[in-house]
């Protein structure tokens, strides 16, 4: 998607692309008691633009090769509708991530 790794540390990584900066940090165990659920108040999911449908397909293949579960597999890549080409998956904390083609 054009993002480059900016920094890495034992429990996190961040990426940069132009003026956009994204940080992913593993939640510490002491904060996991209630657990994350995207249906609760707070972050529901993250969405990103892909460069093309081929880009979505390449990302999907990489995710599967790493054992990452693709959400809505019975409707993939049209889980968002007949004119919406995307991949939906979960990060390790079960936050839904969407990458959609133009």
N, C-alpha and C. Protein backbone atom coordinates (compact mmCIF):
# COMPACT_ATOMS: atom_id res chain seq x y z
N UNK A 1 0.81 -1.18 0.00
CA UNK A 1 0.00 0.00 0.00
C UNK A 1 0.87 1.26 0.00
N UNK A 2 2.16 1.08 -0.09
CA UNK A 2 3.06 2.21 -0.15
C UNK A 2 3.67 2.61 1.18
N UNK A 3 3.18 2.05 2.27
CA UNK A 3 3.74 2.37 3.59
C UNK A 3 5.11 1.72 3.76
N UNK A 4 5.99 2.39 4.43
CA UNK A 4 7.32 1.87 4.73
C UNK A 4 7.48 1.75 6.23
N UNK A 5 8.16 0.71 6.67
CA UNK A 5 8.44 0.56 8.10
C UNK A 5 9.28 1.75 8.53
N UNK A 6 8.85 2.41 9.57
CA UNK A 6 9.55 3.57 10.09
C UNK A 6 10.36 3.20 11.33
N UNK A 7 9.72 2.48 12.27
CA UNK A 7 10.39 2.04 13.49
C UNK A 7 9.83 0.68 13.90
N UNK A 8 10.66 -0.11 14.56
CA UNK A 8 10.23 -1.40 15.12
C UNK A 8 10.79 -1.52 16.53
N UNK A 9 10.04 -2.13 17.43
CA UNK A 9 10.49 -2.42 18.78
C UNK A 9 9.82 -3.72 19.21
N UNK A 10 10.22 -4.31 20.33
CA UNK A 10 9.72 -5.65 20.68
C UNK A 10 8.21 -5.82 20.66
N UNK A 11 7.44 -4.80 21.01
CA UNK A 11 5.99 -4.96 21.06
C UNK A 11 5.25 -4.04 20.11
N UNK A 12 5.95 -3.55 19.08
CA UNK A 12 5.26 -2.67 18.16
C UNK A 12 6.02 -2.38 16.89
N UNK A 13 5.31 -1.74 16.00
CA UNK A 13 5.88 -1.34 14.71
C UNK A 13 5.10 -0.13 14.23
N UNK A 14 5.77 0.76 13.51
CA UNK A 14 5.03 1.85 12.89
C UNK A 14 5.46 2.00 11.44
N UNK A 15 4.53 2.57 10.68
CA UNK A 15 4.71 2.73 9.24
C UNK A 15 4.44 4.18 8.88
N UNK A 16 5.06 4.62 7.79
CA UNK A 16 4.86 5.99 7.32
C UNK A 16 4.65 5.97 5.82
N UNK A 17 3.77 6.85 5.36
CA UNK A 17 3.51 7.03 3.94
C UNK A 17 3.09 8.48 3.75
N UNK A 18 3.96 9.28 3.20
CA UNK A 18 3.67 10.71 3.08
C UNK A 18 3.45 11.31 4.45
N UNK A 19 2.29 11.94 4.64
CA UNK A 19 1.95 12.54 5.92
C UNK A 19 1.21 11.58 6.85
N UNK A 20 0.97 10.36 6.40
CA UNK A 20 0.23 9.39 7.21
C UNK A 20 1.19 8.53 8.01
N UNK A 21 0.89 8.35 9.27
CA UNK A 21 1.74 7.63 10.22
C UNK A 21 0.85 6.68 11.00
N UNK A 22 1.13 5.39 10.97
CA UNK A 22 0.31 4.39 11.64
C UNK A 22 1.18 3.60 12.60
N UNK A 23 0.68 3.44 13.82
CA UNK A 23 1.42 2.72 14.85
C UNK A 23 0.59 1.53 15.33
N UNK A 24 1.22 0.36 15.40
CA UNK A 24 0.59 -0.84 15.95
C UNK A 24 1.40 -1.27 17.16
N UNK A 25 0.75 -1.38 18.31
CA UNK A 25 1.42 -1.77 19.54
C UNK A 25 0.63 -2.91 20.16
N UNK A 26 1.32 -3.97 20.57
CA UNK A 26 0.68 -5.09 21.24
C UNK A 26 0.20 -4.64 22.62
N UNK A 27 -1.04 -4.91 22.93
CA UNK A 27 -1.60 -4.55 24.24
C UNK A 27 -0.92 -5.36 25.33
N UNK A 28 -0.57 -4.67 26.43
CA UNK A 28 0.03 -5.36 27.56
C UNK A 28 -1.01 -6.25 28.24
N UNK A 29 -0.56 -7.37 28.78
CA UNK A 29 -1.45 -8.35 29.41
C UNK A 29 -2.35 -7.72 30.46
N UNK A 30 -1.81 -6.78 31.25
CA UNK A 30 -2.59 -6.18 32.34
C UNK A 30 -3.80 -5.38 31.82
N UNK A 31 -3.82 -5.06 30.52
CA UNK A 31 -4.94 -4.32 29.94
C UNK A 31 -5.89 -5.21 29.14
N UNK A 32 -5.67 -6.51 29.18
CA UNK A 32 -6.48 -7.43 28.37
C UNK A 32 -7.66 -8.06 29.10
N UNK A 33 -7.83 -7.78 30.38
CA UNK A 33 -8.87 -8.45 31.17
C UNK A 33 -10.25 -8.38 30.52
N UNK A 34 -10.66 -7.20 30.10
CA UNK A 34 -11.98 -7.06 29.49
C UNK A 34 -11.98 -7.57 28.06
N UNK A 35 -10.82 -7.59 27.43
CA UNK A 35 -10.73 -8.05 26.04
C UNK A 35 -11.28 -7.02 25.08
N UNK A 36 -10.80 -7.08 23.88
CA UNK A 36 -11.25 -6.17 22.84
C UNK A 36 -12.42 -6.78 22.09
N UNK A 37 -13.37 -5.96 21.74
CA UNK A 37 -14.46 -6.40 20.88
C UNK A 37 -14.85 -5.20 20.03
N UNK A 38 -14.78 -5.34 18.71
CA UNK A 38 -15.04 -4.20 17.84
C UNK A 38 -16.49 -3.72 17.90
N UNK A 39 -17.37 -4.49 18.54
CA UNK A 39 -18.76 -4.06 18.67
C UNK A 39 -18.98 -3.19 19.90
N UNK A 40 -17.98 -3.08 20.78
CA UNK A 40 -18.08 -2.20 21.94
C UNK A 40 -17.72 -0.77 21.51
N UNK A 41 -17.91 0.16 22.43
CA UNK A 41 -17.51 1.54 22.17
C UNK A 41 -16.01 1.58 21.90
N UNK A 42 -15.62 2.33 20.91
CA UNK A 42 -14.21 2.44 20.55
C UNK A 42 -14.00 2.08 19.09
N UNK A 43 -12.79 1.70 18.78
CA UNK A 43 -12.41 1.39 17.40
C UNK A 43 -13.20 0.20 16.87
N UNK A 44 -13.81 0.37 15.70
CA UNK A 44 -14.52 -0.74 15.05
C UNK A 44 -13.60 -1.44 14.08
N UNK A 45 -13.03 -0.71 13.15
CA UNK A 45 -12.07 -1.30 12.22
C UNK A 45 -11.27 -0.22 11.51
N UNK A 46 -10.21 -0.64 10.85
CA UNK A 46 -9.36 0.25 10.07
C UNK A 46 -9.56 -0.08 8.60
N UNK A 47 -9.63 0.94 7.77
CA UNK A 47 -9.81 0.72 6.33
C UNK A 47 -8.73 1.47 5.56
N UNK A 48 -8.22 0.81 4.54
CA UNK A 48 -7.16 1.37 3.71
C UNK A 48 -7.51 1.18 2.24
N UNK A 49 -6.96 2.06 1.40
CA UNK A 49 -7.13 1.92 -0.04
C UNK A 49 -5.98 1.11 -0.61
N UNK A 50 -6.30 0.15 -1.45
CA UNK A 50 -5.29 -0.59 -2.21
C UNK A 50 -5.05 0.15 -3.52
N UNK A 51 -4.01 -0.25 -4.22
CA UNK A 51 -3.70 0.37 -5.51
C UNK A 51 -4.59 -0.18 -6.63
N UNK A 52 -5.00 -1.45 -6.48
CA UNK A 52 -5.75 -2.11 -7.55
C UNK A 52 -6.36 -3.40 -7.00
N UNK A 53 -7.15 -4.06 -7.82
CA UNK A 53 -7.68 -5.37 -7.44
C UNK A 53 -6.55 -6.38 -7.31
N UNK A 54 -5.55 -6.26 -8.17
CA UNK A 54 -4.40 -7.15 -8.10
C UNK A 54 -3.68 -6.98 -6.77
N UNK A 55 -3.61 -5.75 -6.30
CA UNK A 55 -2.98 -5.46 -5.02
C UNK A 55 -3.75 -6.15 -3.89
N UNK A 56 -5.07 -6.10 -3.93
CA UNK A 56 -5.90 -6.80 -2.94
C UNK A 56 -5.62 -8.30 -3.00
N UNK A 57 -5.54 -8.85 -4.21
CA UNK A 57 -5.27 -10.29 -4.37
C UNK A 57 -3.90 -10.67 -3.83
N UNK A 58 -2.88 -9.84 -4.09
CA UNK A 58 -1.52 -10.11 -3.58
C UNK A 58 -1.51 -10.07 -2.05
N UNK A 59 -2.17 -9.07 -1.48
CA UNK A 59 -2.23 -8.96 -0.03
C UNK A 59 -2.96 -10.16 0.57
N UNK A 60 -4.05 -10.56 -0.06
CA UNK A 60 -4.82 -11.73 0.42
C UNK A 60 -3.94 -12.97 0.43
N UNK A 61 -3.17 -13.18 -0.62
CA UNK A 61 -2.27 -14.34 -0.69
C UNK A 61 -1.23 -14.29 0.42
N UNK A 62 -0.65 -13.10 0.67
CA UNK A 62 0.34 -12.96 1.74
C UNK A 62 -0.28 -13.24 3.10
N UNK A 63 -1.47 -12.73 3.33
CA UNK A 63 -2.15 -12.97 4.60
C UNK A 63 -2.39 -14.46 4.81
N UNK A 64 -2.91 -15.12 3.79
CA UNK A 64 -3.18 -16.56 3.90
C UNK A 64 -1.90 -17.34 4.13
N UNK A 65 -0.80 -16.94 3.47
CA UNK A 65 0.46 -17.66 3.63
C UNK A 65 0.99 -17.54 5.06
N UNK A 66 0.57 -16.51 5.76
CA UNK A 66 0.98 -16.32 7.15
C UNK A 66 -0.04 -16.86 8.14
N UNK A 67 -1.07 -17.52 7.62
CA UNK A 67 -2.07 -18.14 8.50
C UNK A 67 -3.07 -17.16 9.08
N UNK A 68 -3.18 -16.00 8.48
CA UNK A 68 -4.13 -14.99 8.96
C UNK A 68 -5.50 -15.27 8.35
N UNK A 69 -6.50 -15.30 9.19
CA UNK A 69 -7.85 -15.63 8.76
C UNK A 69 -8.47 -14.50 7.96
N UNK A 70 -8.99 -14.83 6.80
CA UNK A 70 -9.73 -13.88 5.98
C UNK A 70 -11.17 -13.91 6.46
N UNK A 71 -11.72 -12.75 6.78
CA UNK A 71 -13.10 -12.68 7.22
C UNK A 71 -14.05 -12.79 6.03
N UNK A 72 -15.23 -13.32 6.29
CA UNK A 72 -16.27 -13.48 5.27
C UNK A 72 -15.76 -14.26 4.05
N UNK A 73 -15.10 -15.39 4.26
CA UNK A 73 -14.48 -16.12 3.14
C UNK A 73 -15.48 -16.56 2.07
N UNK A 74 -16.73 -16.79 2.46
CA UNK A 74 -17.74 -17.22 1.50
C UNK A 74 -18.14 -16.10 0.54
N UNK A 75 -17.82 -14.85 0.89
CA UNK A 75 -18.17 -13.71 0.04
C UNK A 75 -16.95 -12.96 -0.49
N UNK A 76 -15.75 -13.40 -0.09
CA UNK A 76 -14.52 -12.74 -0.50
C UNK A 76 -14.32 -12.86 -2.01
N UNK A 77 -13.92 -11.84 -2.71
CA UNK A 77 -13.53 -10.49 -2.31
C UNK A 77 -14.67 -9.47 -2.39
N UNK A 78 -15.91 -9.94 -2.47
CA UNK A 78 -17.06 -9.04 -2.60
C UNK A 78 -17.90 -8.97 -1.32
N UNK A 79 -17.27 -9.13 -0.17
CA UNK A 79 -18.01 -9.10 1.10
C UNK A 79 -18.68 -7.76 1.35
N UNK A 80 -18.16 -6.69 0.75
CA UNK A 80 -18.76 -5.37 0.91
C UNK A 80 -19.84 -5.07 -0.12
N UNK A 81 -20.11 -6.00 -1.00
CA UNK A 81 -21.13 -5.81 -2.04
C UNK A 81 -20.58 -6.13 -3.41
N UNK A 82 -21.46 -6.21 -4.40
CA UNK A 82 -21.04 -6.64 -5.74
C UNK A 82 -20.05 -5.71 -6.44
N UNK A 83 -20.00 -4.45 -6.04
CA UNK A 83 -19.09 -3.49 -6.68
C UNK A 83 -17.98 -3.05 -5.73
N UNK A 84 -17.74 -3.84 -4.68
CA UNK A 84 -16.78 -3.47 -3.63
C UNK A 84 -15.77 -4.59 -3.48
N UNK A 85 -14.58 -4.43 -4.06
CA UNK A 85 -13.55 -5.46 -4.10
C UNK A 85 -12.56 -5.21 -2.97
N UNK A 86 -12.57 -6.09 -1.96
CA UNK A 86 -11.75 -5.85 -0.78
C UNK A 86 -11.40 -7.14 -0.07
N UNK A 87 -10.42 -7.04 0.82
CA UNK A 87 -10.11 -8.13 1.73
C UNK A 87 -10.35 -7.60 3.14
N UNK A 88 -10.98 -8.42 3.97
CA UNK A 88 -11.22 -8.11 5.37
C UNK A 88 -10.52 -9.19 6.19
N UNK A 89 -9.79 -8.79 7.22
CA UNK A 89 -9.10 -9.75 8.08
C UNK A 89 -8.98 -9.14 9.48
N UNK A 90 -8.49 -9.93 10.43
CA UNK A 90 -8.29 -9.45 11.79
C UNK A 90 -6.81 -9.43 12.13
N UNK A 91 -6.43 -8.41 12.91
CA UNK A 91 -5.06 -8.37 13.42
C UNK A 91 -4.98 -9.27 14.66
N UNK A 92 -3.82 -9.41 15.29
CA UNK A 92 -3.71 -10.31 16.44
C UNK A 92 -4.63 -9.95 17.62
N UNK A 93 -5.05 -8.69 17.72
CA UNK A 93 -5.98 -8.29 18.79
C UNK A 93 -7.43 -8.36 18.34
N UNK A 94 -7.66 -8.91 17.17
CA UNK A 94 -8.98 -9.10 16.58
C UNK A 94 -9.62 -7.80 16.10
N UNK A 95 -8.79 -6.79 15.81
CA UNK A 95 -9.30 -5.58 15.19
C UNK A 95 -9.47 -5.87 13.70
N UNK A 96 -10.64 -5.57 13.17
CA UNK A 96 -10.89 -5.82 11.76
C UNK A 96 -10.14 -4.79 10.91
N UNK A 97 -9.50 -5.29 9.85
CA UNK A 97 -8.78 -4.45 8.91
C UNK A 97 -9.38 -4.71 7.53
N UNK A 98 -9.59 -3.65 6.79
CA UNK A 98 -10.18 -3.73 5.44
C UNK A 98 -9.22 -3.04 4.47
N UNK A 99 -8.98 -3.67 3.34
CA UNK A 99 -8.20 -3.06 2.28
C UNK A 99 -9.03 -3.18 1.00
N UNK A 100 -9.42 -2.03 0.45
CA UNK A 100 -10.35 -2.00 -0.69
C UNK A 100 -9.68 -1.45 -1.94
N UNK A 101 -10.02 -2.07 -3.07
CA UNK A 101 -9.49 -1.63 -4.37
C UNK A 101 -10.29 -0.42 -4.86
N UNK A 102 -9.65 0.42 -5.70
CA UNK A 102 -10.39 1.57 -6.26
C UNK A 102 -11.48 1.12 -7.21
